N, C-alpha and C. Protein backbone atom coordinates (compact mmCIF):
# COMPACT_ATOMS: atom_id res chain seq x y z
N UNK A 1 88.24 1.05 24.80
CA UNK A 1 88.07 2.50 24.80
C UNK A 1 88.92 3.07 25.94
N UNK A 2 89.67 4.10 25.61
CA UNK A 2 90.49 4.75 26.62
C UNK A 2 89.60 5.55 27.57
N UNK A 3 90.09 5.73 28.77
CA UNK A 3 89.29 6.39 29.80
C UNK A 3 88.97 7.83 29.43
N UNK A 4 89.90 8.53 28.79
CA UNK A 4 89.64 9.92 28.39
C UNK A 4 88.50 9.98 27.37
N UNK A 5 88.47 9.01 26.46
CA UNK A 5 87.40 8.94 25.47
C UNK A 5 86.07 8.63 26.15
N UNK A 6 86.10 7.71 27.10
CA UNK A 6 84.89 7.34 27.84
C UNK A 6 84.34 8.56 28.59
N UNK A 7 85.22 9.31 29.25
CA UNK A 7 84.79 10.50 29.99
C UNK A 7 84.18 11.52 29.04
N UNK A 8 84.81 11.75 27.92
CA UNK A 8 84.30 12.71 26.94
C UNK A 8 82.93 12.28 26.42
N UNK A 9 82.78 10.99 26.15
CA UNK A 9 81.50 10.48 25.65
C UNK A 9 80.40 10.60 26.71
N UNK A 10 80.71 10.22 27.94
CA UNK A 10 79.72 10.23 29.01
C UNK A 10 79.37 11.66 29.44
N UNK A 11 80.33 12.55 29.34
CA UNK A 11 80.13 13.94 29.77
C UNK A 11 78.99 14.60 29.00
N UNK A 12 78.84 14.25 27.74
CA UNK A 12 77.83 14.86 26.88
C UNK A 12 76.56 14.03 26.75
N UNK A 13 76.51 12.92 27.45
CA UNK A 13 75.34 12.05 27.38
C UNK A 13 74.27 12.51 28.36
N UNK A 14 73.02 12.35 27.96
CA UNK A 14 71.90 12.67 28.84
C UNK A 14 71.24 11.42 29.38
N UNK A 15 71.67 10.27 28.89
CA UNK A 15 71.08 9.02 29.36
C UNK A 15 71.85 8.51 30.58
N UNK A 16 71.22 7.68 31.39
CA UNK A 16 71.88 7.16 32.60
C UNK A 16 73.18 6.42 32.27
N UNK A 17 74.10 6.46 33.21
CA UNK A 17 75.42 5.86 33.06
C UNK A 17 75.44 4.54 33.82
N UNK A 18 76.04 3.53 33.23
CA UNK A 18 76.12 2.24 33.93
C UNK A 18 77.05 2.37 35.13
N UNK A 19 76.78 1.57 36.14
CA UNK A 19 77.60 1.59 37.35
C UNK A 19 79.04 1.23 37.02
N UNK A 20 79.24 0.30 36.11
CA UNK A 20 80.61 -0.10 35.77
C UNK A 20 81.37 1.05 35.10
N UNK A 21 80.71 1.80 34.22
CA UNK A 21 81.39 2.94 33.59
C UNK A 21 81.67 4.04 34.61
N UNK A 22 80.71 4.30 35.51
CA UNK A 22 80.95 5.30 36.54
C UNK A 22 82.12 4.88 37.43
N UNK A 23 82.19 3.60 37.76
CA UNK A 23 83.28 3.09 38.59
C UNK A 23 84.62 3.27 37.92
N UNK A 24 84.68 3.07 36.60
CA UNK A 24 85.93 3.28 35.85
C UNK A 24 86.37 4.73 35.92
N UNK A 25 85.42 5.64 35.75
CA UNK A 25 85.73 7.07 35.82
C UNK A 25 86.18 7.44 37.23
N UNK A 26 85.47 6.94 38.23
CA UNK A 26 85.82 7.23 39.62
C UNK A 26 87.23 6.71 39.94
N UNK A 27 87.54 5.52 39.47
CA UNK A 27 88.86 4.93 39.70
C UNK A 27 89.95 5.78 39.05
N UNK A 28 89.67 6.31 37.88
CA UNK A 28 90.62 7.16 37.17
C UNK A 28 90.99 8.38 38.03
N UNK A 29 90.03 8.90 38.78
CA UNK A 29 90.26 10.06 39.64
C UNK A 29 90.66 9.68 41.06
N UNK A 30 90.94 8.41 41.29
CA UNK A 30 91.44 7.97 42.58
C UNK A 30 90.39 7.56 43.59
N UNK A 31 89.16 7.37 43.14
CA UNK A 31 88.08 6.95 44.04
C UNK A 31 87.84 5.46 43.91
N UNK A 32 87.39 4.86 44.99
CA UNK A 32 86.98 3.46 44.96
C UNK A 32 85.70 3.32 45.77
N UNK A 33 84.97 2.28 45.49
CA UNK A 33 83.72 2.04 46.20
C UNK A 33 84.04 1.73 47.66
N UNK A 34 83.50 2.53 48.56
CA UNK A 34 83.76 2.35 49.99
C UNK A 34 82.70 1.46 50.61
N UNK A 35 81.43 1.82 50.43
CA UNK A 35 80.35 0.99 50.95
C UNK A 35 79.04 1.35 50.25
N UNK A 36 78.05 0.50 50.45
CA UNK A 36 76.72 0.69 49.87
C UNK A 36 75.74 0.71 51.03
N UNK A 37 74.87 1.72 51.02
CA UNK A 37 73.82 1.79 52.03
C UNK A 37 72.50 1.99 51.30
N UNK A 38 71.74 0.91 51.18
CA UNK A 38 70.51 0.96 50.40
C UNK A 38 70.85 1.13 48.93
N UNK A 39 70.32 2.18 48.31
CA UNK A 39 70.62 2.43 46.90
C UNK A 39 71.75 3.43 46.73
N UNK A 40 72.35 3.89 47.83
CA UNK A 40 73.41 4.89 47.76
C UNK A 40 74.78 4.22 47.79
N UNK A 41 75.55 4.46 46.73
CA UNK A 41 76.90 3.94 46.64
C UNK A 41 77.84 5.07 47.03
N UNK A 42 78.73 4.77 47.96
CA UNK A 42 79.65 5.79 48.48
C UNK A 42 81.06 5.47 47.96
N UNK A 43 81.59 6.41 47.19
CA UNK A 43 82.95 6.30 46.66
C UNK A 43 83.83 7.23 47.48
N UNK A 44 85.06 6.78 47.77
CA UNK A 44 85.96 7.58 48.60
C UNK A 44 87.36 7.55 47.97
N UNK A 45 88.05 8.70 48.05
CA UNK A 45 89.43 8.73 47.56
C UNK A 45 90.40 8.62 48.72
N UNK A 46 91.68 8.66 48.44
CA UNK A 46 92.70 8.43 49.47
C UNK A 46 92.74 9.53 50.52
N UNK A 47 92.21 10.73 50.21
CA UNK A 47 92.22 11.81 51.20
C UNK A 47 91.00 11.73 52.13
N UNK A 48 90.08 10.84 51.82
CA UNK A 48 88.87 10.69 52.63
C UNK A 48 87.66 11.39 52.05
N UNK A 49 87.88 12.14 50.97
CA UNK A 49 86.76 12.83 50.32
C UNK A 49 85.83 11.78 49.72
N UNK A 50 84.53 12.01 49.86
CA UNK A 50 83.61 11.01 49.34
C UNK A 50 82.60 11.62 48.38
N UNK A 51 82.05 10.75 47.55
CA UNK A 51 81.01 11.12 46.60
C UNK A 51 79.93 10.05 46.70
N UNK A 52 78.70 10.49 46.89
CA UNK A 52 77.58 9.57 47.05
C UNK A 52 76.68 9.66 45.82
N UNK A 53 76.37 8.51 45.24
CA UNK A 53 75.52 8.48 44.06
C UNK A 53 74.43 7.42 44.24
N UNK A 54 73.18 7.79 44.02
CA UNK A 54 72.11 6.78 44.07
C UNK A 54 72.14 5.91 42.80
N UNK A 55 72.01 4.63 43.00
CA UNK A 55 72.06 3.67 41.89
C UNK A 55 70.76 2.90 41.86
N UNK A 56 70.13 2.86 40.69
CA UNK A 56 68.90 2.09 40.50
C UNK A 56 69.05 1.29 39.21
N UNK A 57 68.83 -0.01 39.30
CA UNK A 57 68.97 -0.93 38.17
C UNK A 57 70.34 -0.82 37.53
N UNK A 58 71.37 -0.73 38.36
CA UNK A 58 72.77 -0.62 37.93
C UNK A 58 73.04 0.59 37.04
N UNK A 59 72.29 1.65 37.25
CA UNK A 59 72.46 2.88 36.49
C UNK A 59 72.49 4.07 37.42
N UNK A 60 73.26 5.08 37.02
CA UNK A 60 73.37 6.34 37.75
C UNK A 60 72.93 7.44 36.79
N UNK A 61 72.09 8.35 37.25
CA UNK A 61 71.64 9.44 36.39
C UNK A 61 72.84 10.25 35.94
N UNK A 62 72.77 10.71 34.69
CA UNK A 62 73.88 11.44 34.08
C UNK A 62 74.27 12.69 34.89
N UNK A 63 73.32 13.31 35.55
CA UNK A 63 73.61 14.52 36.31
C UNK A 63 74.62 14.25 37.42
N UNK A 64 74.58 13.06 38.02
CA UNK A 64 75.54 12.74 39.09
C UNK A 64 76.95 12.58 38.53
N UNK A 65 77.07 12.04 37.33
CA UNK A 65 78.39 11.96 36.69
C UNK A 65 78.90 13.37 36.41
N UNK A 66 78.03 14.23 35.92
CA UNK A 66 78.43 15.61 35.62
C UNK A 66 78.87 16.34 36.90
N UNK A 67 78.14 16.13 37.98
CA UNK A 67 78.52 16.75 39.27
C UNK A 67 79.87 16.21 39.71
N UNK A 68 80.06 14.90 39.59
CA UNK A 68 81.32 14.28 39.98
C UNK A 68 82.48 14.87 39.17
N UNK A 69 82.30 14.97 37.87
CA UNK A 69 83.37 15.50 37.01
C UNK A 69 83.66 16.96 37.32
N UNK A 70 82.62 17.73 37.60
CA UNK A 70 82.83 19.14 37.93
C UNK A 70 83.62 19.28 39.22
N UNK A 71 83.37 18.41 40.19
CA UNK A 71 84.13 18.44 41.45
C UNK A 71 85.59 18.09 41.26
N UNK A 72 85.91 17.38 40.19
CA UNK A 72 87.29 16.96 39.95
C UNK A 72 88.11 18.03 39.24
N UNK A 73 87.47 19.07 38.75
CA UNK A 73 88.18 20.12 38.03
C UNK A 73 88.98 21.00 38.96
């Protein structure tokens, strides 16, 4: 599945997103996993901007993906 298709599919989903799919989307926008503190995964891009998402059972709530995508617009 192409990343654009994955983003479109996940954007309209209300169910939690897997950490691996979120990581693929984050990588597409230039973010990589910087560090983990407890359940909070911190993604950072090359400019130093960061996005923090709580992860439970390898899933991220869909609202955090939506917030992340809105910040990328």
